[in-house]
Amino acid sequence: MKPTDQDQDNKLITDLRQDWEVLEKTYSVTPAPLDVWESLVHRQRQVTRRRLWRDLLLFWSVAVPLVSGVLFLGSGISAWFWLLQGISVIVGIPLAINEFKASWRKGASTYD
């Protein structure tokens, strides 16, 4: 008689519980002190805050030239608009190439 999926699942759960009990008996678990957890949370908050500031800076560095370019175009000063567009292209293409090279070096799974 072939065992059903339910029987296989129950056997797997039983085996896992037994192995877990063996691990608990073999290795004692001591939780880390509170100050260790607080320092980890503090460090993670700092990293997150730095990332958010970087993203905000990137957003504003793109948004301000874009909005000012549209305003210049609307006011009839198209030479300023094209100057800003040219500067954006001259600066943006090398930055984009550098970013792509960095992502290829890091690999697809580690790049955020």
C-alpha atoms as a PDB file:
ATOM      1  CA  MET A   1       0.000   0.000   0.000  1.00  0.00           C
ATOM      2  CA  LYS A   2       1.366   3.389  -1.009  1.00  0.00           C
ATOM      3  CA  PRO A   3       1.553   6.040   1.751  1.00  0.00           C
ATOM      4  CA  THR A   4      -0.594   9.128   1.228  1.00  0.00           C
ATOM      5  CA  ASP A   5       0.651  12.670   1.253  1.00  0.00           C
ATOM      6  CA  GLN A   6      -0.815  13.158   4.708  1.00  0.00           C
ATOM      7  CA  ASP A   7       1.162  10.186   6.060  1.00  0.00           C
ATOM      8  CA  GLN A   8       4.357  11.464   4.449  1.00  0.00           C
ATOM      9  CA  ASP A   9       3.786  14.922   5.895  1.00  0.00           C
ATOM     10  CA  ASN A  10       3.175  13.528   9.371  1.00  0.00           C
ATOM     11  CA  LYS A  11       6.328  11.404   9.194  1.00  0.00           C
ATOM     12  CA  LEU A  12       8.351  14.396   8.024  1.00  0.00           C
ATOM     13  CA  ILE A  13       7.012  16.573  10.836  1.00  0.00           C
ATOM     14  CA  THR A  14       7.781  13.856  13.396  1.00  0.00           C
ATOM     15  CA  ASP A  15      11.331  13.449  12.079  1.00  0.00           C
ATOM     16  CA  LEU A  16      11.898  17.195  12.116  1.00  0.00           C
ATOM     17  CA  ARG A  17      10.658  17.465  15.716  1.00  0.00           C
ATOM     18  CA  GLN A  18      12.981  14.659  16.812  1.00  0.00           C
ATOM     19  CA  ASP A  19      15.949  16.278  15.081  1.00  0.00           C
ATOM     20  CA  TRP A  20      15.034  19.637  16.598  1.00  0.00           C
ATOM     21  CA  GLU A  21      14.967  18.095  20.093  1.00  0.00           C
ATOM     22  CA  VAL A  22      18.399  16.552  19.508  1.00  0.00           C
ATOM     23  CA  LEU A  23      19.749  19.946  18.442  1.00  0.00           C
ATOM     24  CA  GLU A  24      18.240  21.646  21.492  1.00  0.00           C
ATOM     25  CA  LYS A  25      19.837  19.074  23.790  1.00  0.00           C
ATOM     26  CA  THR A  26      23.206  19.311  22.047  1.00  0.00           C
ATOM     27  CA  TYR A  27      23.526  23.114  21.838  1.00  0.00           C
ATOM     28  CA  SER A  28      22.433  25.420  24.594  1.00  0.00           C
ATOM     29  CA  VAL A  29      20.790  28.587  23.371  1.00  0.00           C
ATOM     30  CA  THR A  30      21.424  31.800  25.232  1.00  0.00           C
ATOM     31  CA  PRO A  31      19.697  34.916  23.970  1.00  0.00           C
ATOM     32  CA  ALA A  32      21.862  37.938  23.321  1.00  0.00           C
ATOM     33  CA  PRO A  33      21.722  40.778  25.835  1.00  0.00           C
ATOM     34  CA  LEU A  34      19.411  43.676  25.113  1.00  0.00           C
ATOM     35  CA  ASP A  35      22.238  46.119  24.378  1.00  0.00           C
ATOM     36  CA  VAL A  36      23.448  43.892  21.515  1.00  0.00           C
ATOM     37  CA  TRP A  37      20.002  43.979  19.921  1.00  0.00           C
ATOM     38  CA  GLU A  38      19.754  47.734  20.455  1.00  0.00           C
ATOM     39  CA  SER A  39      23.097  48.288  18.734  1.00  0.00           C
ATOM     40  CA  LEU A  40      22.022  46.105  15.796  1.00  0.00           C
ATOM     41  CA  VAL A  41      18.778  48.057  15.442  1.00  0.00           C
ATOM     42  CA  HIS A  42      20.651  51.352  15.730  1.00  0.00           C
ATOM     43  CA  ARG A  43      23.143  50.314  13.033  1.00  0.00           C
ATOM     44  CA  GLN A  44      20.352  49.157  10.727  1.00  0.00           C
ATOM     45  CA  ARG A  45      18.522  52.446  11.226  1.00  0.00           C
ATOM     46  CA  GLN A  46      21.679  54.362  10.328  1.00  0.00           C
ATOM     47  CA  VAL A  47      22.131  52.335   7.146  1.00  0.00           C
ATOM     48  CA  THR A  48      18.485  52.813   6.205  1.00  0.00           C
ATOM     49  CA  ARG A  49      18.646  56.532   6.936  1.00  0.00           C
ATOM     50  CA  ARG A  50      21.768  56.907   4.759  1.00  0.00           C
ATOM     51  CA  ARG A  51      20.055  55.052   1.910  1.00  0.00           C
ATOM     52  CA  LEU A  52      16.972  57.252   2.202  1.00  0.00           C
ATOM     53  CA  TRP A  53      19.072  60.421   2.154  1.00  0.00           C
ATOM     54  CA  ARG A  54      20.973  59.145  -0.876  1.00  0.00           C
ATOM     55  CA  ASP A  55      17.715  58.382  -2.674  1.00  0.00           C
ATOM     56  CA  LEU A  56      16.305  61.778  -1.737  1.00  0.00           C
ATOM     57  CA  LEU A  57      19.439  63.519  -2.995  1.00  0.00           C
ATOM     58  CA  LEU A  58      19.260  61.562  -6.240  1.00  0.00           C
ATOM     59  CA  PHE A  59      15.585  62.448  -6.645  1.00  0.00           C
ATOM     60  CA  TRP A  60      16.193  66.167  -6.146  1.00  0.00           C
ATOM     61  CA  SER A  61      19.263  66.188  -8.371  1.00  0.00           C
ATOM     62  CA  VAL A  62      17.095  64.828 -11.166  1.00  0.00           C
ATOM     63  CA  ALA A  63      13.906  66.736 -10.359  1.00  0.00           C
ATOM     64  CA  VAL A  64      15.341  70.251 -10.060  1.00  0.00           C
ATOM     65  CA  PRO A  65      17.008  70.327 -13.500  1.00  0.00           C
ATOM     66  CA  LEU A  66      13.958  68.729 -15.056  1.00  0.00           C
ATOM     67  CA  VAL A  67      11.493  71.200 -13.548  1.00  0.00           C
ATOM     68  CA  SER A  68      13.754  74.193 -14.209  1.00  0.00           C
ATOM     69  CA  GLY A  69      14.202  73.026 -17.797  1.00  0.00           C
ATOM     70  CA  VAL A  70      10.467  72.873 -18.307  1.00  0.00           C
ATOM     71  CA  LEU A  71      10.098  76.331 -16.760  1.00  0.00           C
ATOM     72  CA  PHE A  72      12.842  77.720 -18.994  1.00  0.00           C
ATOM     73  CA  LEU A  73      11.171  76.183 -22.005  1.00  0.00           C
ATOM     74  CA  GLY A  74       7.833  77.640 -20.963  1.00  0.00           C
ATOM     75  CA  SER A  75       9.292  81.096 -20.503  1.00  0.00           C
ATOM     76  CA  GLY A  76      10.754  81.092 -23.996  1.00  0.00           C
ATOM     77  CA  ILE A  77      14.412  80.711 -23.058  1.00  0.00           C
ATOM     78  CA  SER A  78      14.990  77.564 -25.017  1.00  0.00           C
ATOM     79  CA  ALA A  79      18.781  78.034 -25.120  1.00  0.00           C
ATOM     80  CA  TRP A  80      18.940  77.490 -21.339  1.00  0.00           C
ATOM     81  CA  PHE A  81      16.733  74.464 -21.654  1.00  0.00           C
ATOM     82  CA  TRP A  82      18.981  72.861 -24.253  1.00  0.00           C
ATOM     83  CA  LEU A  83      22.060  73.781 -22.242  1.00  0.00           C
ATOM     84  CA  LEU A  84      20.620  72.005 -19.191  1.00  0.00           C
ATOM     85  CA  GLN A  85      19.661  69.008 -21.301  1.00  0.00           C
ATOM     86  CA  GLY A  86      23.164  68.811 -22.739  1.00  0.00           C
ATOM     87  CA  ILE A  87      24.770  69.012 -19.301  1.00  0.00           C
ATOM     88  CA  SER A  88      22.426  66.299 -18.033  1.00  0.00           C
ATOM     89  CA  VAL A  89      23.354  64.003 -20.901  1.00  0.00           C
ATOM     90  CA  ILE A  90      27.087  64.691 -20.559  1.00  0.00           C
ATOM     91  CA  VAL A  91      26.982  63.947 -16.831  1.00  0.00           C
ATOM     92  CA  GLY A  92      24.327  61.227 -16.917  1.00  0.00           C
ATOM     93  CA  ILE A  93      25.817  58.860 -19.496  1.00  0.00           C
ATOM     94  CA  PRO A  94      29.170  58.317 -17.708  1.00  0.00           C
ATOM     95  CA  LEU A  95      27.343  57.895 -14.383  1.00  0.00           C
ATOM     96  CA  ALA A  96      24.988  55.341 -15.915  1.00  0.00           C
ATOM     97  CA  ILE A  97      27.879  53.426 -17.482  1.00  0.00           C
ATOM     98  CA  ASN A  98      29.725  53.418 -14.166  1.00  0.00           C
ATOM     99  CA  GLU A  99      26.606  52.140 -12.376  1.00  0.00           C
ATOM    100  CA  PHE A 100      26.116  49.344 -14.907  1.00  0.00           C
ATOM    101  CA  LYS A 101      29.773  48.292 -14.617  1.00  0.00           C
ATOM    102  CA  ALA A 102      29.472  48.223 -10.824  1.00  0.00           C
ATOM    103  CA  SER A 103      26.332  46.086 -11.023  1.00  0.00           C
ATOM    104  CA  TRP A 104      28.028  43.612 -13.389  1.00  0.00           C
ATOM    105  CA  ARG A 105      31.008  43.342 -11.026  1.00  0.00           C
ATOM    106  CA  LYS A 106      28.786  42.732  -8.000  1.00  0.00           C
ATOM    107  CA  GLY A 107      26.571  40.229  -9.745  1.00  0.00           C
ATOM    108  CA  ALA A 108      22.823  40.232 -10.132  1.00  0.00           C
ATOM    109  CA  SER A 109      22.007  38.659  -6.759  1.00  0.00           C
ATOM    110  CA  THR A 110      23.975  41.071  -4.559  1.00  0.00           C
ATOM    111  CA  TYR A 111      23.083  44.306  -6.305  1.00  0.00           C
ATOM    112  CA  ASP A 112      20.380  46.395  -4.594  1.00  0.00           C
END
